[in-house]
């Protein structure tokens, strides 16, 4: 009998009565009746799904033992199977990605299309076609994972933070009950459920090496895709107790420190050769990433050391300002954070504030320490410290805005500042922040020509200049910080 198809599959559906034809097609084909029961399938379908013809026939997509999962590893409800949706809506459903965990086969990823089958205008069933895309989807997931790792390398503030962010990234989308990175120096990083000690132990328990110990000592990968079907040693029993079905362990060497990556899935037979090889490739990339993070840390340490030395050189020439730059730095960071700036910029503003007066190296010490009022020509010499500081820091090729803050921290909104008489937002925000912190700190501390006036008087001065000399948002944030308990050490 001729059958109508909304998808143009008429000839194919009519040909389903000929097994030799449908079995010659590499595409998996399944025909279900209006109730969702499978009435026919081809050889490719049985091979891709890892089930026999008899195991498939008569079943529906709602059968829970299909073991279907989404790309993120969560269960794929049978009611949301493309075939069921096509029957329910009467519309084709295309390009749905699904992982299939058959009882005797490793996981396969398939891409499914489902088309309602009609006769005389009424839906009488659904035709589902699918192909095995395991290699392609595994590769795509690997590329996404590598991209995520590279972003972590770029964003990492420290090696410890890199590992702490890395382990959850590795666990994402892999059905992980838990994933742990165990390093021989004693550090352990965990995502998801914490794995049993017998799994993570670096030595033998009950005379048996656990997965981490195997990777550390033998330097070889371990894959156990059916924890319930092997010898029930302690570590396997402990994993079964937390609902695990499979485990993959890889040896790693991160910056000269050996370790093991242990990934545990709640499902059996999920760690294919492609998955293991993909994770191994990712770990090799991570090894390079760790070296990059360490290099950045060394550069950061060198930067801090250089800036500390410059700050110390400046303050050694004027005993009355010892600690001034570090106190301005502390307040500037707090103001910047209260303004909602990103942590990296907050940190750089603090660094800039700690060397904002470095140009005073070029001012004669007798002028810096003179207790009385300076003559106009002497004031001009003092004001040159902003240009001198900018030149020193710019030549050192330090990150923005360190050199710019040294140049602009005496600029004022109305143009009355120096050296360029910049107006309003022509003054960069970091410099506007340091300007307020600089004045507040200076007023609170004693100088050769006057005693310290205290925090409240300092805040009154910047508030009186808010909107005219100083950024009003910065002034408000400064007031809020002191109200919240900030104080100069």
Protein backbone atom coordinates (compact mmCIF):
# COMPACT_ATOMS: atom_id res chain seq x y z
CA UNK A 1 0.00 0.00 0.00
CA UNK A 2 1.34 3.45 -0.88
CA UNK A 3 2.14 5.65 2.12
CA UNK A 4 2.31 9.47 2.13
CA UNK A 5 5.24 11.19 3.88
CA UNK A 6 5.52 14.84 4.85
CA UNK A 7 9.28 14.57 4.35
CA UNK A 8 9.44 13.19 0.82
CA UNK A 9 10.46 9.73 2.05
CA UNK A 10 7.63 8.00 0.15
CA UNK A 11 9.80 5.71 -1.94
CA UNK A 12 12.02 4.85 0.96
CA UNK A 13 9.12 3.99 3.26
CA UNK A 14 7.47 1.85 0.58
CA UNK A 15 10.78 0.05 0.15
CA UNK A 16 10.93 -0.92 3.83
CA UNK A 17 9.17 -4.15 2.95
CA UNK A 18 12.42 -5.12 1.18
CA UNK A 19 15.07 -5.87 3.88
CA UNK A 20 17.82 -6.23 1.29
CA UNK A 21 17.29 -2.60 0.25
CA UNK A 22 17.15 -0.98 3.65
CA UNK A 23 20.06 -3.07 4.92
CA UNK A 24 22.23 -1.68 2.14
CA UNK A 25 21.82 1.86 3.52
CA UNK A 26 24.50 3.07 5.97
CA UNK A 27 22.04 5.49 7.57
CA UNK A 28 20.19 4.07 10.57
CA UNK A 29 16.48 3.79 9.75
CA UNK A 30 13.69 3.06 12.23
CA UNK A 31 9.94 3.01 11.45
CA UNK A 32 7.52 3.39 14.36
CA UNK A 33 3.73 3.14 14.40
CA UNK A 34 1.38 5.83 15.67
CA UNK A 35 1.84 4.58 19.25
CA UNK A 36 5.61 4.81 18.96
CA UNK A 37 6.33 1.08 18.74
CA UNK A 38 9.14 0.13 16.40
CA UNK A 39 7.84 -1.99 13.52
CA UNK A 40 10.95 -2.08 11.34
CA UNK A 41 14.62 -1.08 11.32
CA UNK A 42 17.66 -1.77 9.19
CA UNK A 43 21.03 -3.36 9.91
CA UNK A 44 22.76 0.03 10.25
CA UNK A 45 20.36 0.93 13.08
CA UNK A 46 21.21 -2.20 15.06
CA UNK A 47 24.93 -1.63 14.58
CA UNK A 48 24.84 2.05 15.55
CA UNK A 49 22.60 1.49 18.57
CA UNK A 50 24.51 -1.59 19.71
CA UNK A 51 21.30 -3.64 19.98
CA UNK A 52 20.02 -6.67 18.13
CA UNK A 53 17.02 -6.59 15.80
CA UNK A 54 14.91 -8.47 18.36
CA UNK A 55 15.92 -6.05 21.13
CA UNK A 56 14.77 -3.09 19.04
CA UNK A 57 11.56 -4.42 17.52
CA UNK A 58 8.42 -3.62 19.49
CA UNK A 59 10.07 -1.07 21.76
CA UNK A 60 9.34 2.64 21.94
CA UNK A 61 11.57 5.66 22.31
CA UNK A 62 10.17 6.10 25.79
CA UNK A 63 11.86 2.92 26.96
CA UNK A 64 14.31 4.07 29.63
CA UNK A 65 16.92 1.38 28.93
CA UNK A 66 17.95 3.06 25.69
CA UNK A 67 20.38 4.98 27.90
CA UNK A 68 19.98 8.21 25.93
CA UNK A 69 21.82 11.34 27.14
CA UNK A 70 22.14 14.93 26.03
CA UNK A 71 25.44 16.54 25.09
CA UNK A 72 25.88 17.80 28.65
CA UNK A 73 25.56 14.24 29.96
CA UNK A 74 22.09 14.61 31.49
CA UNK A 75 19.33 12.10 30.78
CA UNK A 76 17.41 12.47 27.53
CA UNK A 77 13.77 11.75 28.46
CA UNK A 78 12.07 9.30 26.14
CA UNK A 79 9.10 11.64 25.78
CA UNK A 80 11.46 14.23 24.24
CA UNK A 81 12.93 11.81 21.71
CA UNK A 82 12.63 13.32 18.21
CA UNK A 83 10.34 10.45 17.12
CA UNK A 84 7.93 11.16 19.97
CA UNK A 85 7.99 14.90 19.28
CA UNK A 86 7.29 14.31 15.58
CA UNK A 87 4.31 12.10 16.47
CA UNK A 88 2.99 14.61 19.01
CA UNK A 89 3.40 17.75 16.88
CA UNK A 90 3.06 16.39 13.36
CA UNK A 91 6.18 18.37 12.39
CA UNK A 92 9.64 17.12 11.37
CA UNK A 93 12.38 17.29 14.02
CA UNK A 94 15.91 17.65 12.69
CA UNK A 95 19.55 17.54 13.80
CA UNK A 96 19.08 16.38 17.37
CA UNK A 97 22.30 15.18 19.05
CA UNK A 98 21.96 12.22 21.38
CA UNK A 99 24.37 9.93 23.20
CA UNK A 100 23.36 6.26 23.27
CA UNK A 101 24.62 3.93 26.00
CA UNK A 102 23.73 0.44 24.79
CA UNK A 103 24.09 -2.46 27.24
CA UNK A 104 27.07 -4.06 25.46
CA UNK A 105 28.68 -1.18 23.58
CA UNK A 106 30.66 1.96 24.26
CA UNK A 107 28.80 5.23 24.03
CA UNK A 108 27.98 6.49 20.59
CA UNK A 109 26.83 9.94 19.56
CA UNK A 110 24.15 10.09 16.89
CA UNK A 111 22.40 12.90 15.02
CA UNK A 112 18.71 12.21 14.51
CA UNK A 113 16.02 13.39 12.08
CA UNK A 114 12.39 12.33 12.58
CA UNK A 115 9.57 12.77 10.04
CA UNK A 116 5.86 12.03 10.52
CA UNK A 117 4.45 9.45 8.12
CA UNK A 118 0.93 10.15 6.80
CA UNK A 119 -1.69 8.18 4.93
CA UNK A 120 -4.75 9.97 3.61
CA UNK A 121 -3.62 13.04 5.55
CA UNK A 122 -3.48 11.29 8.94
CA UNK A 123 -0.31 10.44 10.86
CA UNK A 124 0.16 6.69 11.00
CA UNK A 125 3.74 6.60 12.26
CA UNK A 126 7.15 8.21 12.22
CA UNK A 127 10.32 7.56 10.27
CA UNK A 128 13.58 8.19 12.14
CA UNK A 129 16.96 8.37 10.46
CA UNK A 130 20.28 8.79 12.23
CA UNK A 131 23.99 8.42 11.62
CA UNK A 132 26.96 7.77 13.86
CA UNK A 133 28.71 11.09 14.52
CA UNK A 134 30.81 9.93 17.47
CA UNK A 135 34.15 10.93 15.97
CA UNK A 136 32.94 14.35 14.81
CA UNK A 137 31.11 15.22 18.04
CA UNK A 138 34.00 14.00 20.20
CA UNK A 139 36.35 16.21 18.17
CA UNK A 140 34.04 19.22 18.51
CA UNK A 141 33.79 18.72 22.27
CA UNK A 142 37.56 18.43 22.48
CA UNK A 143 38.01 21.69 20.58
CA UNK A 144 35.55 23.47 22.88
CA UNK A 145 37.41 22.08 25.88
CA UNK A 146 40.75 23.24 24.49
CA UNK A 147 39.30 26.70 23.89
CA UNK A 148 38.11 26.78 27.50
CA UNK A 149 41.53 25.71 28.77
CA UNK A 150 43.24 28.41 26.71
CA UNK A 151 40.88 31.02 28.16
CA UNK A 152 41.72 29.82 31.67
CA UNK A 153 45.41 30.23 30.90
CA UNK A 154 44.77 33.81 29.79
CA UNK A 155 42.62 34.65 32.82
CA UNK A 156 44.58 32.78 35.51
CA UNK A 157 45.74 34.92 38.41
CA UNK A 158 47.80 32.08 39.93
CA UNK A 159 48.65 28.44 39.38
CA UNK A 160 46.35 27.41 42.24
CA UNK A 161 43.45 29.35 40.76
CA UNK A 162 44.16 27.82 37.36
CA UNK A 163 43.81 24.29 38.76
CA UNK A 164 40.73 25.22 40.79
CA UNK A 165 38.97 26.51 37.65
CA UNK A 166 40.35 23.78 35.40
CA UNK A 167 38.87 20.72 37.13
CA UNK A 168 35.21 21.86 36.87
CA UNK A 169 35.84 22.71 33.22
CA UNK A 170 37.12 19.19 32.54
CA UNK A 171 34.08 17.70 34.28
CA UNK A 172 31.56 19.68 32.26
CA UNK A 173 29.57 17.54 29.85
CA UNK A 174 31.11 14.21 30.74
CA UNK A 175 28.49 12.70 33.06
CA UNK A 176 30.96 13.20 35.85
CA UNK A 177 29.91 12.05 39.30
CA UNK A 178 33.27 13.48 40.27
CA UNK A 179 36.59 14.49 38.80
CA UNK A 180 39.80 15.07 40.73
CA UNK A 181 43.32 16.23 39.96
CA UNK A 182 45.76 14.62 42.40
CA UNK A 183 49.35 15.91 42.49
CA UNK A 184 52.21 14.07 44.17
CA UNK A 185 53.01 17.16 46.26
CA UNK A 186 49.73 16.59 48.14
CA UNK A 187 47.47 19.04 46.33
CA UNK A 188 44.04 17.76 45.34
CA UNK A 189 41.47 19.66 43.25
CA UNK A 190 37.93 18.33 43.11
CA UNK A 191 34.79 19.02 41.06
CA UNK A 192 31.44 17.39 41.69
CA UNK A 193 31.26 14.61 44.24
CA UNK A 194 34.45 13.97 46.17
CA UNK A 195 35.98 10.66 45.17
CA UNK A 196 36.84 7.98 47.75
CA UNK A 197 40.29 7.92 49.38
CA UNK A 198 40.94 4.47 47.90
CA UNK A 199 40.69 6.06 44.44
CA UNK A 200 42.87 9.08 45.15
CA UNK A 201 45.45 7.45 47.42
CA UNK A 202 48.97 7.70 46.01
CA UNK A 203 49.96 4.30 47.47
CA UNK A 204 48.55 0.79 47.77
CA UNK A 205 45.57 -0.03 49.98
CA UNK A 206 44.94 -3.65 50.96
CA UNK A 207 47.82 -4.54 48.68
CA UNK A 208 46.09 -3.06 45.64
CA UNK A 209 47.04 0.08 43.72
CA UNK A 210 44.11 2.40 43.21
CA UNK A 211 43.60 4.43 40.03
CA UNK A 212 45.64 7.47 41.09
CA UNK A 213 48.48 5.31 42.41
CA UNK A 214 48.49 3.30 39.16
CA UNK A 215 48.81 6.46 37.07
CA UNK A 216 51.53 7.87 39.34
CA UNK A 217 53.64 4.75 39.64
CA UNK A 218 53.16 3.08 36.27
CA UNK A 219 52.68 6.27 34.29
CA UNK A 220 49.92 4.68 32.27
CA UNK A 221 46.24 5.37 31.74
CA UNK A 222 43.56 3.29 33.41
CA UNK A 223 40.06 2.84 32.02
CA UNK A 224 37.48 0.68 33.77
CA UNK A 225 34.23 0.98 31.85
CA UNK A 226 32.22 -1.46 33.95
CA UNK A 227 32.98 -1.16 37.65
CA UNK A 228 30.31 -3.68 38.54
CA UNK A 229 31.67 -6.38 36.25
CA UNK A 230 35.25 -6.54 37.53
CA UNK A 231 37.01 -7.84 40.63
CA UNK A 232 35.37 -6.10 43.63
CA UNK A 233 38.48 -4.58 45.17
CA UNK A 234 38.06 -1.79 47.67
CA UNK A 235 38.33 1.19 45.33
CA UNK A 236 35.77 -0.32 42.94
CA UNK A 237 33.36 -1.05 45.80
CA UNK A 238 33.76 2.51 47.08
CA UNK A 239 33.00 3.92 43.62
CA UNK A 240 29.92 1.73 43.24
CA UNK A 241 28.73 3.04 46.62
CA UNK A 242 28.67 6.61 45.24
CA UNK A 243 26.79 5.57 42.10
CA UNK A 244 29.71 5.36 39.69
CA UNK A 245 29.71 3.09 36.64
CA UNK A 246 33.06 3.82 34.99
CA UNK A 247 36.38 5.53 35.68
CA UNK A 248 39.17 6.98 33.57
CA UNK A 249 42.55 7.89 35.07
CA UNK A 250 45.36 9.65 33.23
CA UNK A 251 48.93 10.35 34.37
CA UNK A 252 49.92 14.03 34.18
CA UNK A 253 53.07 16.08 34.63
CA UNK A 254 52.32 19.71 35.40
CA UNK A 255 55.33 21.95 35.69
CA UNK A 256 57.53 19.08 36.83
CA UNK A 257 54.99 17.82 39.37
CA UNK A 258 53.59 14.38 38.56
CA UNK A 259 49.96 13.58 39.25
CA UNK A 260 46.80 11.86 38.11
CA UNK A 261 43.50 13.00 36.66
CA UNK A 262 40.60 10.80 37.79
CA UNK A 263 37.23 11.17 36.04
CA UNK A 264 34.28 9.07 37.21
CA UNK A 265 30.98 8.64 35.35
CA UNK A 266 27.69 7.39 36.69
CA UNK A 267 27.24 5.38 33.49
CA UNK A 268 29.19 2.40 32.26
CA UNK A 269 31.04 2.25 28.91
CA UNK A 270 31.30 6.00 28.38
CA UNK A 271 35.09 6.34 28.15
CA UNK A 272 35.84 5.49 24.53
CA UNK A 273 39.32 5.49 23.01
CA UNK A 274 38.45 8.85 21.44
CA UNK A 275 37.51 10.26 24.86
CA UNK A 276 40.71 9.00 26.47
CA UNK A 277 42.88 10.28 23.62
CA UNK A 278 41.05 13.60 23.69
CA UNK A 279 41.59 14.06 27.42
CA UNK A 280 45.23 13.08 26.98
CA UNK A 281 45.65 15.75 24.30
CA UNK A 282 43.98 18.30 26.57
CA UNK A 283 46.34 17.41 29.43
CA UNK A 284 49.33 17.94 27.14
CA UNK A 285 47.96 21.40 26.35
CA UNK A 286 47.45 22.02 30.05
CA UNK A 287 51.10 21.16 30.71
CA UNK A 288 52.10 24.02 28.39
CA UNK A 289 49.45 26.20 30.03
CA UNK A 290 50.92 25.68 33.49
CA UNK A 291 54.32 26.85 32.26
CA UNK A 292 52.66 29.96 30.81
CA UNK A 293 50.84 30.67 34.08
CA UNK A 294 54.08 30.26 36.01
CA UNK A 295 55.88 32.58 33.60
CA UNK A 296 53.21 35.21 34.10
CA UNK A 297 53.51 34.78 37.86
CA UNK A 298 57.27 35.27 37.66
CA UNK A 299 56.76 38.40 35.56
CA UNK A 300 54.16 39.65 38.05
CA UNK A 301 56.56 39.03 40.92
CA UNK A 302 59.30 40.86 39.05
CA UNK A 303 56.90 43.76 38.41
CA UNK A 304 56.00 43.99 42.11
CA UNK A 305 59.67 43.86 43.05
CA UNK A 306 60.54 46.62 40.61
CA UNK A 307 57.72 48.86 41.77
CA UNK A 308 58.56 48.25 45.43
CA UNK A 309 62.16 49.24 44.74
CA UNK A 310 61.09 52.41 42.94
CA UNK A 311 58.69 53.32 45.73
CA UNK A 312 61.39 52.72 48.33
CA UNK A 313 63.88 54.88 46.45
CA UNK A 314 61.38 57.75 46.36
CA UNK A 315 60.46 57.60 50.04
CA UNK A 316 64.07 57.20 51.20
CA UNK A 317 64.66 60.78 50.10
CA UNK A 318 61.81 62.21 52.17
CA UNK A 319 61.28 60.72 55.66
CA UNK A 320 58.02 62.64 56.06
CA UNK A 321 56.35 60.68 53.24
CA UNK A 322 57.44 57.16 54.17
CA UNK A 323 54.44 54.90 53.60
CA UNK A 324 52.51 57.59 51.69
CA UNK A 325 52.44 55.75 48.36
CA UNK A 326 51.51 52.37 49.88
CA UNK A 327 48.68 53.96 51.88
CA UNK A 328 47.40 55.76 48.77
CA UNK A 329 47.61 52.42 46.95
CA UNK A 330 45.52 50.65 49.58
CA UNK A 331 42.81 53.33 49.52
CA UNK A 332 42.84 53.55 45.71
CA UNK A 333 42.22 49.80 45.42
CA UNK A 334 39.30 49.98 47.83
CA UNK A 335 37.74 52.91 45.96
CA UNK A 336 38.20 51.19 42.58
CA UNK A 337 36.60 48.00 43.85
CA UNK A 338 33.65 49.89 45.34
CA UNK A 339 33.15 51.55 41.95
CA UNK A 340 32.66 48.08 40.48
CA UNK A 341 35.82 47.90 38.39
CA UNK A 342 37.24 44.51 37.41
CA UNK A 343 39.76 42.91 39.74
CA UNK A 344 42.64 43.13 37.27
CA UNK A 345 42.11 46.88 36.83
CA UNK A 346 41.66 47.31 40.59
CA UNK A 347 45.02 45.63 41.11
CA UNK A 348 46.76 47.78 38.48
CA UNK A 349 45.31 50.98 39.98
CA UNK A 350 46.74 49.93 43.33
CA UNK A 351 50.14 49.35 41.74
CA UNK A 352 49.98 52.69 39.94
CA UNK A 353 49.18 54.47 43.20
CA UNK A 354 52.14 52.84 44.92
CA UNK A 355 54.55 54.56 42.48
CA UNK A 356 52.58 57.67 41.57
CA UNK A 357 55.23 59.93 43.13
CA UNK A 358 58.27 58.09 41.76
CA UNK A 359 59.19 61.22 39.81
CA UNK A 360 60.21 62.93 43.06
CA UNK A 361 63.52 61.10 42.57
CA UNK A 362 64.33 64.04 40.28
CA UNK A 363 63.42 66.74 42.84
CA UNK A 364 66.27 68.06 45.06
CA UNK A 365 65.99 66.63 48.56
CA UNK A 366 66.37 70.06 50.20
CA UNK A 367 63.18 71.18 48.43
CA UNK A 368 61.28 68.00 49.37
CA UNK A 369 62.12 68.36 53.06
CA UNK A 370 61.89 72.14 53.45
CA UNK A 371 59.45 72.97 56.30
CA UNK A 372 58.35 76.40 55.06
CA UNK A 373 56.38 77.60 52.04
CA UNK A 374 58.15 77.02 48.73
CA UNK A 375 58.96 79.81 46.31
CA UNK A 376 57.15 79.77 42.93
CA UNK A 377 60.25 78.53 41.10
CA UNK A 378 60.62 75.73 43.66
CA UNK A 379 56.98 74.75 43.21
CA UNK A 380 57.59 74.52 39.47
CA UNK A 381 60.45 72.10 40.17
CA UNK A 382 58.22 69.97 42.43
CA UNK A 383 55.47 69.88 39.81
CA UNK A 384 57.92 68.42 37.30
CA UNK A 385 57.83 65.16 39.30
CA UNK A 386 54.75 64.04 37.35
CA UNK A 387 56.57 64.25 34.01
CA UNK A 388 59.72 62.65 35.41
CA UNK A 389 57.69 59.79 36.89
CA UNK A 390 55.82 59.29 33.63
CA UNK A 391 59.09 59.07 31.69
CA UNK A 392 60.60 56.54 34.12
CA UNK A 393 57.54 54.29 34.14
CA UNK A 394 56.85 54.61 30.41
CA UNK A 395 60.38 53.51 29.53
CA UNK A 396 59.90 50.45 31.71
CA UNK A 397 56.94 49.47 29.46
CA UNK A 398 54.72 48.81 32.48
CA UNK A 399 51.05 47.87 32.06
CA UNK A 400 48.43 50.58 31.57
CA UNK A 401 47.60 52.75 33.55
CA UNK A 402 50.73 52.86 35.76
CA UNK A 403 52.68 55.50 33.81
CA UNK A 404 49.53 57.49 32.98
CA UNK A 405 48.54 57.77 36.65
CA UNK A 406 51.96 59.16 37.51
CA UNK A 407 51.41 61.87 34.87
CA UNK A 408 47.78 62.75 35.63
CA UNK A 409 47.20 62.35 39.38
CA UNK A 410 47.47 66.13 39.94
CA UNK A 411 45.02 67.02 37.15
CA UNK A 412 41.66 68.46 38.28
CA UNK A 413 38.23 68.33 36.63
CA UNK A 414 38.05 72.09 36.05
CA UNK A 415 41.44 72.22 34.31
CA UNK A 416 43.23 73.87 37.25
CA UNK A 417 45.57 70.93 37.75
CA UNK A 418 48.87 70.11 36.14
CA UNK A 419 50.82 69.35 33.98
CA UNK A 420 48.41 69.43 30.98
CA UNK A 421 45.39 71.21 32.58
CA UNK A 422 43.13 68.35 31.44
CA UNK A 423 39.39 68.76 31.93
CA UNK A 424 36.71 66.28 33.03
CA UNK A 425 36.87 62.79 31.53
CA UNK A 426 40.02 63.62 29.59
CA UNK A 427 41.58 62.60 32.90
CA UNK A 428 41.57 58.81 33.01
CA UNK A 429 39.46 57.23 35.76
CA UNK A 430 42.43 55.55 37.50
CA UNK A 431 44.11 58.96 37.83
CA UNK A 432 40.87 60.49 39.19
CA UNK A 433 40.76 57.73 41.80
CA UNK A 434 44.39 58.18 42.86
CA UNK A 435 43.93 61.97 42.98
CA UNK A 436 41.26 61.65 45.68
CA UNK A 437 43.16 59.00 47.63
CA UNK A 438 46.35 61.10 47.40
CA UNK A 439 44.71 64.20 48.87
CA UNK A 440 42.90 62.31 51.63
CA UNK A 441 46.08 60.52 52.74
CA UNK A 442 48.18 63.68 52.58
CA UNK A 443 45.73 65.70 54.69
CA UNK A 444 45.50 63.02 57.38
CA UNK A 445 49.28 62.77 57.83
CA UNK A 446 51.70 65.24 59.40
CA UNK A 447 54.03 67.24 57.19
CA UNK A 448 57.02 69.50 58.06
CA UNK A 449 54.82 72.57 57.71
CA UNK A 450 51.67 71.32 59.57
CA UNK A 451 50.30 68.52 61.74
CA UNK A 452 47.94 65.86 60.37
CA UNK A 453 44.34 67.10 60.18
CA UNK A 454 42.55 63.75 60.47
CA UNK A 455 40.30 61.70 58.24
CA UNK A 456 37.11 63.70 58.71
CA UNK A 457 38.76 66.96 57.68
CA UNK A 458 40.37 65.22 54.69
CA UNK A 459 36.98 63.91 53.56
CA UNK A 460 35.44 67.37 53.96
CA UNK A 461 38.11 68.83 51.67
CA UNK A 462 37.52 66.36 48.82
CA UNK A 463 33.74 66.62 49.25
CA UNK A 464 33.92 70.40 48.92
CA UNK A 465 35.80 69.88 45.64
CA UNK A 466 33.51 67.14 44.34
CA UNK A 467 32.32 67.95 40.81
CA UNK A 468 34.73 70.88 40.54
CA UNK A 469 38.14 69.40 41.29
CA UNK A 470 37.41 65.77 42.00
CA UNK A 471 35.20 63.09 40.44
CA UNK A 472 32.04 63.08 42.63
CA UNK A 473 31.56 59.31 42.21
CA UNK A 474 35.11 58.70 43.39
CA UNK A 475 34.62 61.02 46.36
CA UNK A 476 31.39 59.25 47.34
CA UNK A 477 33.08 55.84 47.08
CA UNK A 478 35.94 57.11 49.24
CA UNK A 479 33.52 58.34 51.93
CA UNK A 480 31.69 54.99 51.81
CA UNK A 481 34.94 53.07 52.29
CA UNK A 482 35.79 54.94 55.47
CA UNK A 483 32.21 54.52 56.65
CA UNK A 484 32.60 50.77 56.07
CA UNK A 485 35.64 50.67 58.34
CA UNK A 486 38.65 51.44 56.15
CA UNK A 487 41.56 53.05 57.93
CA UNK A 488 45.18 53.88 57.14
CA UNK A 489 47.69 51.58 58.77
